[in-house]
Amino acid sequence: MGVDAPYVENIIHITPPSNIESYVQETGRAGRTGIPSRATLYYNNSDIAANKEHVQEPMKVYCRSQDTCLRKQILEYLGFSGVTQQRCCCICDGTCNNVAENVTKSVKPKVRSLPNDDKTILEELLLSELNDFDNNIKASGIALFDCSFSDDKNLVGKIIEGIEYIKTEADLLETYGIWDETCSSNIFSLIAKYAPLIQNSAN
């Protein structure tokens, strides 16, 4: 954000943004000099499940699309009409493989239980862990780009919201984009302590 990098050719999202407007703003950083560019969005069924309220429905519909031009959907959502379509997305050029499974399948089963009394405590501990990570990254002075988690102001809320479905530490990367191994390990330890596995899910 805020970096003058005009020759961006690829934008990659790991999990969808909360809404179409954010997606347009972020993908719009590519191709500003007129060079052909590509935006790739990775997601899984859990990211766009009915219980993921932080992702708005139009964004979920966009992810599920198999037949309608993605560019057309975005522009019509923003109020434009008469959209020209010519190999502008994976659907139009026939290379779309965004729907590997039926995303209308039921939400995966709950594997953890977080007592209400521990929710606030865990939220504070998770926020502290993420803040510590961000501060360490900034203090190191070695990052060439903003690789902190501070851009996602709702990350802790998202984790708490989906905590019942976090079975392994790998879920923190796949679903929430927590890529740092130490940070991920610390967060998963907190989750395991305050939201233990449901008995029949421990196997």
N, C-alpha and C. Protein backbone atom coordinates (compact mmCIF):
# COMPACT_ATOMS: atom_id res chain seq x y z
N MET A 1 0.84 -1.20 0.00
CA MET A 1 0.00 0.00 0.00
C MET A 1 0.88 1.25 0.00
N GLY A 2 0.60 2.17 -0.93
CA GLY A 2 1.31 3.42 -0.94
C GLY A 2 2.68 3.38 -1.58
N VAL A 3 3.09 2.22 -2.13
CA VAL A 3 4.41 2.10 -2.75
C VAL A 3 4.29 2.40 -4.24
N ASP A 4 5.19 3.23 -4.77
CA ASP A 4 5.17 3.57 -6.19
C ASP A 4 5.87 2.46 -6.97
N ALA A 5 5.09 1.49 -7.43
CA ALA A 5 5.63 0.36 -8.20
C ALA A 5 4.80 0.21 -9.46
N PRO A 6 5.11 0.97 -10.52
CA PRO A 6 4.25 1.02 -11.70
C PRO A 6 4.26 -0.25 -12.55
N TYR A 7 5.32 -1.05 -12.48
CA TYR A 7 5.43 -2.19 -13.38
C TYR A 7 5.00 -3.50 -12.72
N VAL A 8 3.86 -3.47 -12.09
CA VAL A 8 3.31 -4.67 -11.46
C VAL A 8 2.54 -5.47 -12.51
N GLU A 9 2.88 -6.74 -12.66
CA GLU A 9 2.24 -7.59 -13.66
C GLU A 9 1.38 -8.68 -13.05
N ASN A 10 1.60 -9.00 -11.78
CA ASN A 10 0.84 -10.07 -11.15
C ASN A 10 0.36 -9.65 -9.76
N ILE A 11 -0.90 -9.90 -9.49
CA ILE A 11 -1.47 -9.69 -8.16
C ILE A 11 -2.02 -11.03 -7.69
N ILE A 12 -1.60 -11.47 -6.52
CA ILE A 12 -2.06 -12.76 -5.99
C ILE A 12 -2.74 -12.54 -4.65
N HIS A 13 -3.95 -13.04 -4.53
CA HIS A 13 -4.68 -13.02 -3.26
C HIS A 13 -4.72 -14.43 -2.67
N ILE A 14 -4.33 -14.53 -1.42
CA ILE A 14 -4.50 -15.78 -0.68
C ILE A 14 -5.69 -15.56 0.24
N THR A 15 -6.82 -16.10 -0.11
CA THR A 15 -8.15 -15.89 0.47
C THR A 15 -8.74 -14.59 -0.09
N PRO A 16 -10.03 -14.54 -0.27
CA PRO A 16 -10.66 -13.37 -0.88
C PRO A 16 -10.75 -12.18 0.06
N PRO A 17 -10.71 -10.95 -0.47
CA PRO A 17 -10.96 -9.77 0.35
C PRO A 17 -12.41 -9.77 0.84
N SER A 18 -12.74 -8.83 1.69
CA SER A 18 -14.08 -8.82 2.27
C SER A 18 -15.15 -8.37 1.29
N ASN A 19 -14.76 -7.58 0.28
CA ASN A 19 -15.77 -7.08 -0.65
C ASN A 19 -15.17 -6.80 -2.03
N ILE A 20 -16.05 -6.59 -3.01
CA ILE A 20 -15.62 -6.35 -4.38
C ILE A 20 -14.79 -5.07 -4.49
N GLU A 21 -15.19 -4.03 -3.75
CA GLU A 21 -14.47 -2.76 -3.83
C GLU A 21 -13.00 -2.93 -3.45
N SER A 22 -12.75 -3.67 -2.37
CA SER A 22 -11.37 -3.91 -1.95
C SER A 22 -10.61 -4.71 -3.00
N TYR A 23 -11.29 -5.69 -3.57
CA TYR A 23 -10.66 -6.52 -4.60
C TYR A 23 -10.26 -5.68 -5.81
N VAL A 24 -11.15 -4.79 -6.23
CA VAL A 24 -10.86 -3.93 -7.38
C VAL A 24 -9.68 -3.00 -7.08
N GLN A 25 -9.68 -2.44 -5.89
CA GLN A 25 -8.59 -1.53 -5.51
C GLN A 25 -7.25 -2.25 -5.51
N GLU A 26 -7.23 -3.46 -4.96
CA GLU A 26 -5.97 -4.19 -4.83
C GLU A 26 -5.49 -4.76 -6.16
N THR A 27 -6.39 -5.32 -6.96
CA THR A 27 -5.98 -5.85 -8.26
C THR A 27 -5.65 -4.73 -9.25
N GLY A 28 -6.21 -3.55 -9.01
CA GLY A 28 -5.97 -2.41 -9.89
C GLY A 28 -4.55 -1.89 -9.85
N ARG A 29 -3.74 -2.42 -8.96
CA ARG A 29 -2.33 -2.01 -8.90
C ARG A 29 -1.52 -2.62 -10.05
N ALA A 30 -2.09 -3.63 -10.72
CA ALA A 30 -1.38 -4.26 -11.84
C ALA A 30 -1.78 -3.61 -13.16
N GLY A 31 -0.86 -3.60 -14.10
CA GLY A 31 -1.15 -3.14 -15.46
C GLY A 31 -1.33 -1.65 -15.63
N ARG A 32 -0.83 -0.86 -14.70
CA ARG A 32 -1.06 0.59 -14.78
C ARG A 32 -0.29 1.25 -15.92
N THR A 33 0.72 0.56 -16.45
CA THR A 33 1.48 1.12 -17.57
C THR A 33 1.02 0.55 -18.90
N GLY A 34 -0.05 -0.24 -18.86
CA GLY A 34 -0.59 -0.80 -20.09
C GLY A 34 -0.07 -2.17 -20.45
N ILE A 35 0.81 -2.73 -19.63
CA ILE A 35 1.33 -4.07 -19.92
C ILE A 35 0.30 -5.12 -19.53
N PRO A 36 0.23 -6.25 -20.27
CA PRO A 36 -0.70 -7.32 -19.91
C PRO A 36 -0.41 -7.80 -18.49
N SER A 37 -1.44 -7.96 -17.70
CA SER A 37 -1.27 -8.32 -16.29
C SER A 37 -2.28 -9.38 -15.89
N ARG A 38 -2.02 -9.99 -14.75
CA ARG A 38 -2.87 -11.09 -14.29
C ARG A 38 -3.17 -10.94 -12.80
N ALA A 39 -4.41 -11.23 -12.43
CA ALA A 39 -4.81 -11.28 -11.01
C ALA A 39 -5.26 -12.70 -10.71
N THR A 40 -4.69 -13.28 -9.66
CA THR A 40 -5.02 -14.65 -9.28
C THR A 40 -5.59 -14.65 -7.87
N LEU A 41 -6.71 -15.33 -7.70
CA LEU A 41 -7.37 -15.39 -6.39
C LEU A 41 -7.46 -16.85 -5.95
N TYR A 42 -6.78 -17.17 -4.84
CA TYR A 42 -6.84 -18.51 -4.27
C TYR A 42 -7.82 -18.51 -3.10
N TYR A 43 -8.65 -19.53 -3.03
CA TYR A 43 -9.60 -19.66 -1.93
C TYR A 43 -10.01 -21.12 -1.81
N ASN A 44 -10.64 -21.45 -0.69
CA ASN A 44 -11.22 -22.78 -0.55
C ASN A 44 -12.66 -22.63 -0.08
N ASN A 45 -13.35 -23.76 0.03
CA ASN A 45 -14.76 -23.72 0.41
C ASN A 45 -14.99 -23.01 1.74
N SER A 46 -14.06 -23.19 2.66
CA SER A 46 -14.21 -22.59 3.97
C SER A 46 -14.19 -21.06 3.90
N ASP A 47 -13.40 -20.51 2.97
CA ASP A 47 -13.28 -19.05 2.86
C ASP A 47 -14.59 -18.37 2.49
N ILE A 48 -15.44 -19.08 1.74
CA ILE A 48 -16.68 -18.46 1.25
C ILE A 48 -17.91 -19.19 1.78
N ALA A 49 -17.74 -19.89 2.90
CA ALA A 49 -18.86 -20.61 3.50
C ALA A 49 -19.88 -19.63 4.07
N ALA A 50 -21.08 -20.12 4.31
CA ALA A 50 -22.17 -19.26 4.77
C ALA A 50 -21.85 -18.60 6.11
N ASN A 51 -21.02 -19.24 6.92
CA ASN A 51 -20.74 -18.70 8.25
C ASN A 51 -19.61 -17.67 8.24
N LYS A 52 -19.01 -17.39 7.08
CA LYS A 52 -17.94 -16.40 6.98
C LYS A 52 -18.55 -15.03 6.66
N GLU A 53 -19.04 -14.37 7.71
CA GLU A 53 -19.78 -13.12 7.52
C GLU A 53 -18.89 -11.96 7.10
N HIS A 54 -17.59 -12.04 7.35
CA HIS A 54 -16.72 -10.92 6.98
C HIS A 54 -16.51 -10.83 5.47
N VAL A 55 -16.83 -11.90 4.74
CA VAL A 55 -16.77 -11.85 3.27
C VAL A 55 -18.19 -11.61 2.76
N GLN A 56 -18.40 -10.48 2.10
CA GLN A 56 -19.74 -10.12 1.64
C GLN A 56 -20.20 -11.03 0.52
N GLU A 57 -21.51 -11.17 0.39
CA GLU A 57 -22.09 -12.11 -0.56
C GLU A 57 -21.64 -11.87 -2.01
N PRO A 58 -21.58 -10.62 -2.51
CA PRO A 58 -21.12 -10.43 -3.89
C PRO A 58 -19.72 -10.98 -4.14
N MET A 59 -18.86 -10.92 -3.12
CA MET A 59 -17.51 -11.48 -3.26
C MET A 59 -17.57 -12.99 -3.32
N LYS A 60 -18.45 -13.59 -2.54
CA LYS A 60 -18.62 -15.05 -2.58
C LYS A 60 -19.15 -15.49 -3.93
N VAL A 61 -20.12 -14.74 -4.46
CA VAL A 61 -20.69 -15.06 -5.78
C VAL A 61 -19.61 -14.98 -6.84
N TYR A 62 -18.77 -13.97 -6.76
CA TYR A 62 -17.65 -13.82 -7.70
C TYR A 62 -16.75 -15.04 -7.67
N CYS A 63 -16.44 -15.52 -6.48
CA CYS A 63 -15.57 -16.69 -6.34
C CYS A 63 -16.21 -17.94 -6.95
N ARG A 64 -17.52 -18.06 -6.79
CA ARG A 64 -18.21 -19.27 -7.27
C ARG A 64 -18.44 -19.28 -8.78
N SER A 65 -18.24 -18.16 -9.44
CA SER A 65 -18.59 -18.01 -10.85
C SER A 65 -17.89 -19.04 -11.73
N GLN A 66 -18.67 -19.65 -12.62
CA GLN A 66 -18.13 -20.60 -13.58
C GLN A 66 -18.48 -20.24 -15.02
N ASP A 67 -19.52 -19.43 -15.21
CA ASP A 67 -20.03 -19.17 -16.55
C ASP A 67 -20.00 -17.69 -16.97
N THR A 68 -20.04 -16.79 -16.01
CA THR A 68 -20.14 -15.36 -16.33
C THR A 68 -18.77 -14.69 -16.27
N CYS A 69 -18.46 -13.90 -17.28
CA CYS A 69 -17.19 -13.18 -17.35
C CYS A 69 -16.91 -12.44 -16.03
N LEU A 70 -15.73 -12.66 -15.48
CA LEU A 70 -15.39 -12.06 -14.20
C LEU A 70 -15.27 -10.54 -14.31
N ARG A 71 -14.70 -10.07 -15.40
CA ARG A 71 -14.58 -8.62 -15.61
C ARG A 71 -15.96 -7.99 -15.72
N LYS A 72 -16.85 -8.66 -16.43
CA LYS A 72 -18.22 -8.17 -16.60
C LYS A 72 -18.92 -8.06 -15.25
N GLN A 73 -18.73 -9.07 -14.40
CA GLN A 73 -19.36 -9.05 -13.08
C GLN A 73 -18.90 -7.86 -12.26
N ILE A 74 -17.60 -7.63 -12.27
CA ILE A 74 -17.05 -6.52 -11.48
C ILE A 74 -17.55 -5.18 -11.98
N LEU A 75 -17.49 -4.96 -13.29
CA LEU A 75 -17.89 -3.67 -13.84
C LEU A 75 -19.38 -3.42 -13.68
N GLU A 76 -20.20 -4.45 -13.85
CA GLU A 76 -21.64 -4.28 -13.64
C GLU A 76 -21.95 -4.01 -12.17
N TYR A 77 -21.20 -4.64 -11.28
CA TYR A 77 -21.37 -4.38 -9.85
C TYR A 77 -21.08 -2.91 -9.54
N LEU A 78 -20.12 -2.34 -10.26
CA LEU A 78 -19.73 -0.94 -10.05
C LEU A 78 -20.58 0.04 -10.85
N GLY A 79 -21.56 -0.49 -11.60
CA GLY A 79 -22.50 0.38 -12.29
C GLY A 79 -22.25 0.60 -13.77
N PHE A 80 -21.30 -0.13 -14.35
CA PHE A 80 -21.01 0.01 -15.78
C PHE A 80 -21.80 -1.03 -16.57
N SER A 81 -22.11 -0.70 -17.83
CA SER A 81 -22.83 -1.63 -18.69
C SER A 81 -22.16 -1.69 -20.06
N GLY A 82 -22.62 -2.62 -20.92
CA GLY A 82 -22.03 -2.75 -22.24
C GLY A 82 -20.57 -3.12 -22.19
N VAL A 83 -20.23 -4.05 -21.31
CA VAL A 83 -18.84 -4.42 -21.10
C VAL A 83 -18.32 -5.26 -22.26
N THR A 84 -17.18 -4.86 -22.81
CA THR A 84 -16.54 -5.63 -23.88
C THR A 84 -15.83 -6.84 -23.29
N GLN A 85 -16.05 -8.01 -23.89
CA GLN A 85 -15.44 -9.23 -23.39
C GLN A 85 -14.57 -9.85 -24.49
N GLN A 86 -13.30 -10.03 -24.18
CA GLN A 86 -12.40 -10.66 -25.14
C GLN A 86 -11.20 -11.23 -24.40
N ARG A 87 -11.30 -12.49 -24.04
CA ARG A 87 -10.22 -13.19 -23.34
C ARG A 87 -9.70 -12.37 -22.16
N CYS A 88 -10.63 -11.76 -21.44
CA CYS A 88 -10.24 -10.87 -20.35
C CYS A 88 -10.16 -11.58 -19.01
N CYS A 89 -10.60 -12.83 -18.94
CA CYS A 89 -10.54 -13.58 -17.69
C CYS A 89 -10.45 -15.06 -18.01
N CYS A 90 -10.27 -15.87 -16.97
CA CYS A 90 -10.11 -17.30 -17.19
C CYS A 90 -11.38 -17.95 -17.73
N ILE A 91 -12.53 -17.36 -17.45
CA ILE A 91 -13.78 -17.90 -17.97
C ILE A 91 -13.89 -17.64 -19.47
N CYS A 92 -13.56 -16.41 -19.88
CA CYS A 92 -13.67 -16.05 -21.30
C CYS A 92 -12.66 -16.79 -22.17
N ASP A 93 -11.46 -17.07 -21.63
CA ASP A 93 -10.48 -17.77 -22.46
C ASP A 93 -10.48 -19.27 -22.23
N GLY A 94 -11.44 -19.74 -21.41
CA GLY A 94 -11.62 -21.18 -21.24
C GLY A 94 -10.59 -21.88 -20.40
N THR A 95 -9.87 -21.14 -19.56
CA THR A 95 -8.84 -21.77 -18.73
C THR A 95 -9.19 -21.77 -17.26
N CYS A 96 -10.42 -21.44 -16.94
CA CYS A 96 -10.80 -21.29 -15.54
C CYS A 96 -10.86 -22.64 -14.84
N ASN A 97 -10.19 -22.72 -13.71
CA ASN A 97 -10.25 -23.94 -12.89
C ASN A 97 -10.49 -23.57 -11.43
N ASN A 98 -11.32 -22.52 -11.26
CA ASN A 98 -11.51 -22.00 -9.90
C ASN A 98 -12.43 -22.83 -9.05
N VAL A 99 -13.21 -23.70 -9.66
CA VAL A 99 -14.16 -24.48 -8.87
C VAL A 99 -13.78 -25.95 -8.96
N ALA A 100 -12.92 -26.38 -8.07
CA ALA A 100 -12.48 -27.77 -8.06
C ALA A 100 -13.51 -28.66 -7.40
N GLU A 101 -14.28 -28.09 -6.49
CA GLU A 101 -15.31 -28.84 -5.80
C GLU A 101 -16.57 -28.00 -5.76
N ASN A 102 -17.68 -28.61 -5.46
CA ASN A 102 -18.95 -27.90 -5.35
C ASN A 102 -18.92 -27.06 -4.09
N VAL A 103 -18.86 -25.73 -4.26
CA VAL A 103 -18.74 -24.86 -3.09
C VAL A 103 -20.05 -24.75 -2.32
N THR A 104 -21.11 -25.38 -2.82
CA THR A 104 -22.36 -25.35 -2.08
C THR A 104 -22.43 -26.49 -1.07
N LYS A 105 -21.36 -27.29 -0.99
CA LYS A 105 -21.36 -28.36 0.00
C LYS A 105 -21.49 -27.76 1.40
N SER A 106 -21.96 -28.56 2.31
CA SER A 106 -22.13 -28.09 3.68
C SER A 106 -20.79 -27.72 4.29
N VAL A 107 -20.84 -26.82 5.24
CA VAL A 107 -19.64 -26.37 5.92
C VAL A 107 -19.00 -27.55 6.64
N LYS A 108 -17.67 -27.60 6.64
CA LYS A 108 -16.99 -28.71 7.28
C LYS A 108 -17.33 -28.75 8.76
N PRO A 109 -17.28 -29.91 9.38
CA PRO A 109 -17.72 -30.06 10.77
C PRO A 109 -16.85 -29.29 11.76
N LYS A 110 -17.47 -28.91 12.84
CA LYS A 110 -16.74 -28.22 13.91
C LYS A 110 -15.82 -29.21 14.62
N VAL A 111 -14.61 -28.76 14.92
CA VAL A 111 -13.64 -29.63 15.58
C VAL A 111 -13.18 -29.07 16.92
N ARG A 112 -13.51 -27.81 17.21
CA ARG A 112 -13.10 -27.19 18.47
C ARG A 112 -14.27 -26.51 19.16
N SER A 113 -14.09 -26.26 20.43
CA SER A 113 -15.10 -25.55 21.20
C SER A 113 -14.42 -24.46 22.03
N LEU A 114 -14.87 -23.22 21.85
CA LEU A 114 -14.32 -22.09 22.60
C LEU A 114 -15.34 -21.60 23.61
N PRO A 115 -15.10 -21.82 24.91
CA PRO A 115 -16.03 -21.34 25.93
C PRO A 115 -16.17 -19.82 25.86
N ASN A 116 -17.37 -19.32 26.05
CA ASN A 116 -17.62 -17.87 26.00
C ASN A 116 -16.75 -17.10 26.98
N ASP A 117 -16.49 -17.70 28.15
CA ASP A 117 -15.70 -17.03 29.17
C ASP A 117 -14.26 -16.80 28.73
N ASP A 118 -13.78 -17.61 27.78
CA ASP A 118 -12.39 -17.50 27.34
C ASP A 118 -12.23 -16.70 26.05
N LYS A 119 -13.33 -16.31 25.44
CA LYS A 119 -13.26 -15.65 24.13
C LYS A 119 -12.49 -14.35 24.19
N THR A 120 -12.82 -13.48 25.14
CA THR A 120 -12.15 -12.18 25.24
C THR A 120 -10.68 -12.34 25.56
N ILE A 121 -10.38 -13.28 26.45
CA ILE A 121 -8.98 -13.53 26.82
C ILE A 121 -8.18 -13.96 25.60
N LEU A 122 -8.74 -14.89 24.82
CA LEU A 122 -8.03 -15.38 23.64
C LEU A 122 -7.87 -14.29 22.59
N GLU A 123 -8.89 -13.47 22.42
CA GLU A 123 -8.80 -12.35 21.47
C GLU A 123 -7.62 -11.44 21.83
N GLU A 124 -7.49 -11.12 23.11
CA GLU A 124 -6.42 -10.23 23.55
C GLU A 124 -5.05 -10.87 23.35
N LEU A 125 -4.95 -12.17 23.62
CA LEU A 125 -3.67 -12.87 23.46
C LEU A 125 -3.28 -12.98 21.99
N LEU A 126 -4.25 -13.25 21.13
CA LEU A 126 -3.97 -13.34 19.69
C LEU A 126 -3.54 -11.98 19.15
N LEU A 127 -4.23 -10.92 19.57
CA LEU A 127 -3.87 -9.58 19.12
C LEU A 127 -2.47 -9.21 19.57
N SER A 128 -2.13 -9.58 20.80
CA SER A 128 -0.79 -9.31 21.32
C SER A 128 0.27 -10.05 20.52
N GLU A 129 -0.01 -11.30 20.17
CA GLU A 129 0.94 -12.10 19.40
C GLU A 129 1.16 -11.50 18.01
N LEU A 130 0.09 -11.10 17.35
CA LEU A 130 0.21 -10.50 16.02
C LEU A 130 0.92 -9.15 16.07
N ASN A 131 0.63 -8.36 17.10
CA ASN A 131 1.30 -7.07 17.26
C ASN A 131 2.80 -7.25 17.50
N ASP A 132 3.15 -8.26 18.31
CA ASP A 132 4.56 -8.54 18.57
C ASP A 132 5.28 -8.91 17.28
N PHE A 133 4.61 -9.72 16.47
CA PHE A 133 5.21 -10.12 15.19
C PHE A 133 5.44 -8.89 14.31
N ASP A 134 4.41 -8.06 14.19
CA ASP A 134 4.52 -6.86 13.35
C ASP A 134 5.63 -5.94 13.84
N ASN A 135 5.73 -5.77 15.15
CA ASN A 135 6.76 -4.90 15.71
C ASN A 135 8.16 -5.45 15.45
N ASN A 136 8.30 -6.78 15.53
CA ASN A 136 9.60 -7.40 15.27
C ASN A 136 10.00 -7.24 13.80
N ILE A 137 9.02 -7.36 12.91
CA ILE A 137 9.29 -7.19 11.48
C ILE A 137 9.77 -5.76 11.20
N LYS A 138 9.06 -4.80 11.79
CA LYS A 138 9.42 -3.40 11.56
C LYS A 138 10.78 -3.07 12.16
N ALA A 139 11.06 -3.64 13.34
CA ALA A 139 12.32 -3.35 14.02
C ALA A 139 13.51 -3.98 13.31
N SER A 140 13.28 -5.09 12.60
CA SER A 140 14.37 -5.78 11.93
C SER A 140 14.94 -4.97 10.78
N GLY A 141 14.06 -4.22 10.12
CA GLY A 141 14.51 -3.38 9.00
C GLY A 141 14.96 -4.16 7.79
N ILE A 142 14.62 -5.47 7.72
CA ILE A 142 15.09 -6.28 6.60
C ILE A 142 13.99 -6.57 5.59
N ALA A 143 12.76 -6.21 5.91
CA ALA A 143 11.66 -6.52 5.00
C ALA A 143 11.69 -5.59 3.79
N LEU A 144 11.60 -6.16 2.61
CA LEU A 144 11.59 -5.37 1.38
C LEU A 144 10.20 -4.93 1.00
N PHE A 145 9.20 -5.48 1.66
CA PHE A 145 7.82 -5.10 1.41
C PHE A 145 7.07 -5.29 2.71
N ASP A 146 5.85 -4.79 2.74
CA ASP A 146 5.05 -4.88 3.96
C ASP A 146 4.53 -6.29 4.14
N CYS A 147 5.23 -7.08 4.97
CA CYS A 147 4.86 -8.47 5.18
C CYS A 147 4.25 -8.68 6.56
N SER A 148 3.80 -7.61 7.18
CA SER A 148 3.16 -7.71 8.48
C SER A 148 1.70 -8.09 8.31
N PHE A 149 1.05 -8.33 9.45
CA PHE A 149 -0.36 -8.68 9.43
C PHE A 149 -1.24 -7.48 9.79
N SER A 150 -0.63 -6.30 9.94
CA SER A 150 -1.38 -5.15 10.43
C SER A 150 -2.38 -4.61 9.42
N ASP A 151 -2.21 -4.93 8.13
CA ASP A 151 -3.15 -4.44 7.12
C ASP A 151 -4.54 -5.03 7.30
N ASP A 152 -4.59 -6.26 7.83
CA ASP A 152 -5.87 -6.92 8.04
C ASP A 152 -6.34 -6.64 9.47
N LYS A 153 -7.11 -5.57 9.62
CA LYS A 153 -7.53 -5.14 10.95
C LYS A 153 -8.47 -6.15 11.63
N ASN A 154 -9.08 -7.02 10.84
CA ASN A 154 -10.06 -7.96 11.40
C ASN A 154 -9.52 -9.38 11.50
N LEU A 155 -8.20 -9.56 11.40
CA LEU A 155 -7.64 -10.90 11.39
C LEU A 155 -7.99 -11.68 12.65
N VAL A 156 -7.86 -11.04 13.81
CA VAL A 156 -8.19 -11.73 15.06
C VAL A 156 -9.66 -12.12 15.07
N GLY A 157 -10.52 -11.21 14.62
CA GLY A 157 -11.95 -11.52 14.56
C GLY A 157 -12.25 -12.68 13.64
N LYS A 158 -11.53 -12.74 12.52
CA LYS A 158 -11.73 -13.84 11.57
C LYS A 158 -11.32 -15.17 12.20
N ILE A 159 -10.20 -15.16 12.93
CA ILE A 159 -9.73 -16.39 13.58
C ILE A 159 -10.74 -16.85 14.62
N ILE A 160 -11.22 -15.92 15.44
CA ILE A 160 -12.20 -16.27 16.47
C ILE A 160 -13.48 -16.79 15.83
N GLU A 161 -13.89 -16.15 14.74
CA GLU A 161 -15.12 -16.54 14.05
C GLU A 161 -15.03 -17.96 13.50
N GLY A 162 -13.85 -18.33 13.02
CA GLY A 162 -13.70 -19.66 12.41
C GLY A 162 -12.94 -20.65 13.26
N ILE A 163 -12.75 -20.34 14.53
CA ILE A 163 -11.88 -21.15 15.38
C ILE A 163 -12.39 -22.59 15.54
N GLU A 164 -13.71 -22.76 15.46
CA GLU A 164 -14.29 -24.09 15.62
C GLU A 164 -13.90 -25.03 14.49
N TYR A 165 -13.36 -24.47 13.39
CA TYR A 165 -13.01 -25.29 12.22
C TYR A 165 -11.50 -25.40 12.01
N ILE A 166 -10.71 -24.84 12.93
CA ILE A 166 -9.25 -24.91 12.81
C ILE A 166 -8.76 -26.20 13.47
N LYS A 167 -8.40 -27.16 12.64
CA LYS A 167 -7.98 -28.46 13.19
C LYS A 167 -6.48 -28.55 13.35
N THR A 168 -5.73 -28.05 12.38
CA THR A 168 -4.28 -28.13 12.42
C THR A 168 -3.66 -26.75 12.21
N GLU A 169 -2.37 -26.67 12.49
CA GLU A 169 -1.66 -25.40 12.30
C GLU A 169 -1.66 -24.98 10.83
N ALA A 170 -1.70 -25.96 9.93
CA ALA A 170 -1.71 -25.65 8.49
C ALA A 170 -2.92 -24.81 8.11
N ASP A 171 -4.01 -24.94 8.86
CA ASP A 171 -5.22 -24.16 8.57
C ASP A 171 -4.97 -22.66 8.73
N LEU A 172 -4.02 -22.30 9.57
CA LEU A 172 -3.73 -20.88 9.80
C LEU A 172 -3.12 -20.24 8.55
N LEU A 173 -2.34 -21.01 7.81
CA LEU A 173 -1.80 -20.50 6.55
C LEU A 173 -2.84 -20.56 5.45
N GLU A 174 -3.49 -21.70 5.31
CA GLU A 174 -4.41 -21.92 4.20
C GLU A 174 -5.62 -21.00 4.26
N THR A 175 -6.14 -20.77 5.46
CA THR A 175 -7.37 -20.00 5.60
C THR A 175 -7.13 -18.54 5.97
N TYR A 176 -6.09 -18.28 6.77
CA TYR A 176 -5.90 -16.92 7.29
C TYR A 176 -4.60 -16.25 6.82
N GLY A 177 -3.80 -16.97 6.04
CA GLY A 177 -2.60 -16.37 5.47
C GLY A 177 -1.49 -16.09 6.46
N ILE A 178 -1.48 -16.78 7.60
CA ILE A 178 -0.42 -16.58 8.60
C ILE A 178 0.76 -17.44 8.19
N TRP A 179 1.72 -16.84 7.51
CA TRP A 179 2.80 -17.58 6.85
C TRP A 179 4.02 -17.80 7.72
N ASP A 180 4.23 -16.96 8.73
CA ASP A 180 5.42 -17.09 9.57
C ASP A 180 5.28 -18.29 10.51
N GLU A 181 6.26 -19.20 10.49
CA GLU A 181 6.15 -20.44 11.25
C GLU A 181 6.11 -20.21 12.75
N THR A 182 6.94 -19.29 13.24
CA THR A 182 6.96 -19.02 14.68
C THR A 182 5.66 -18.40 15.14
N CYS A 183 5.19 -17.40 14.42
CA CYS A 183 3.93 -16.74 14.75
C CYS A 183 2.78 -17.74 14.68
N SER A 184 2.77 -18.55 13.62
CA SER A 184 1.71 -19.55 13.44
C SER A 184 1.72 -20.56 14.58
N SER A 185 2.91 -21.00 14.97
CA SER A 185 3.02 -21.97 16.06
C SER A 185 2.52 -21.40 17.38
N ASN A 186 2.88 -20.14 17.66
CA ASN A 186 2.43 -19.50 18.90
C ASN A 186 0.91 -19.33 18.92
N ILE A 187 0.35 -18.94 17.78
CA ILE A 187 -1.10 -18.76 17.70
C ILE A 187 -1.82 -20.09 17.86
N PHE A 188 -1.29 -21.12 17.21
CA PHE A 188 -1.95 -22.43 17.30
C PHE A 188 -1.89 -22.97 18.73
N SER A 189 -0.81 -22.69 19.44
CA SER A 189 -0.70 -23.12 20.85
C SER A 189 -1.78 -22.45 21.70
N LEU A 190 -2.03 -21.17 21.44
CA LEU A 190 -3.08 -20.46 22.16
C LEU A 190 -4.45 -21.04 21.83
N ILE A 191 -4.66 -21.34 20.55
CA ILE A 191 -5.94 -21.92 20.13
C ILE A 191 -6.15 -23.28 20.80
N ALA A 192 -5.11 -24.10 20.80
CA ALA A 192 -5.21 -25.44 21.40
C ALA A 192 -5.50 -25.36 22.90
N LYS A 193 -4.97 -24.31 23.54
CA LYS A 193 -5.16 -24.16 24.99
C LYS A 193 -6.57 -23.69 25.33
N TYR A 194 -7.06 -22.70 24.61
CA TYR A 194 -8.35 -22.09 24.97
C TYR A 194 -9.54 -22.66 24.20
N ALA A 195 -9.27 -23.32 23.09
CA ALA A 195 -10.36 -23.93 22.30
C ALA A 195 -9.97 -25.37 21.98
N PRO A 196 -10.06 -26.25 22.96
CA PRO A 196 -9.63 -27.64 22.76
C PRO A 196 -10.47 -28.37 21.72
N LEU A 197 -9.87 -29.41 21.17
CA LEU A 197 -10.58 -30.24 20.21
C LEU A 197 -11.79 -30.90 20.86
N ILE A 198 -12.86 -30.98 20.11
CA ILE A 198 -14.03 -31.74 20.56
C ILE A 198 -13.63 -33.20 20.62
N GLN A 199 -14.12 -33.92 21.58
CA GLN A 199 -13.67 -35.28 21.85
C GLN A 199 -13.64 -36.18 20.62
N ASN A 200 -14.74 -36.19 19.85
CA ASN A 200 -14.81 -37.09 18.69
C ASN A 200 -14.04 -36.57 17.49
N SER A 201 -13.37 -35.40 17.64
CA SER A 201 -12.57 -34.85 16.54
C SER A 201 -11.08 -34.99 16.81
N ALA A 202 -10.74 -35.53 17.96
CA ALA A 202 -9.34 -35.63 18.36
C ALA A 202 -8.60 -36.73 17.61
N ASN A 203 -9.33 -37.63 17.01
CA ASN A 203 -8.70 -38.75 16.30
C ASN A 203 -8.28 -38.35 14.89
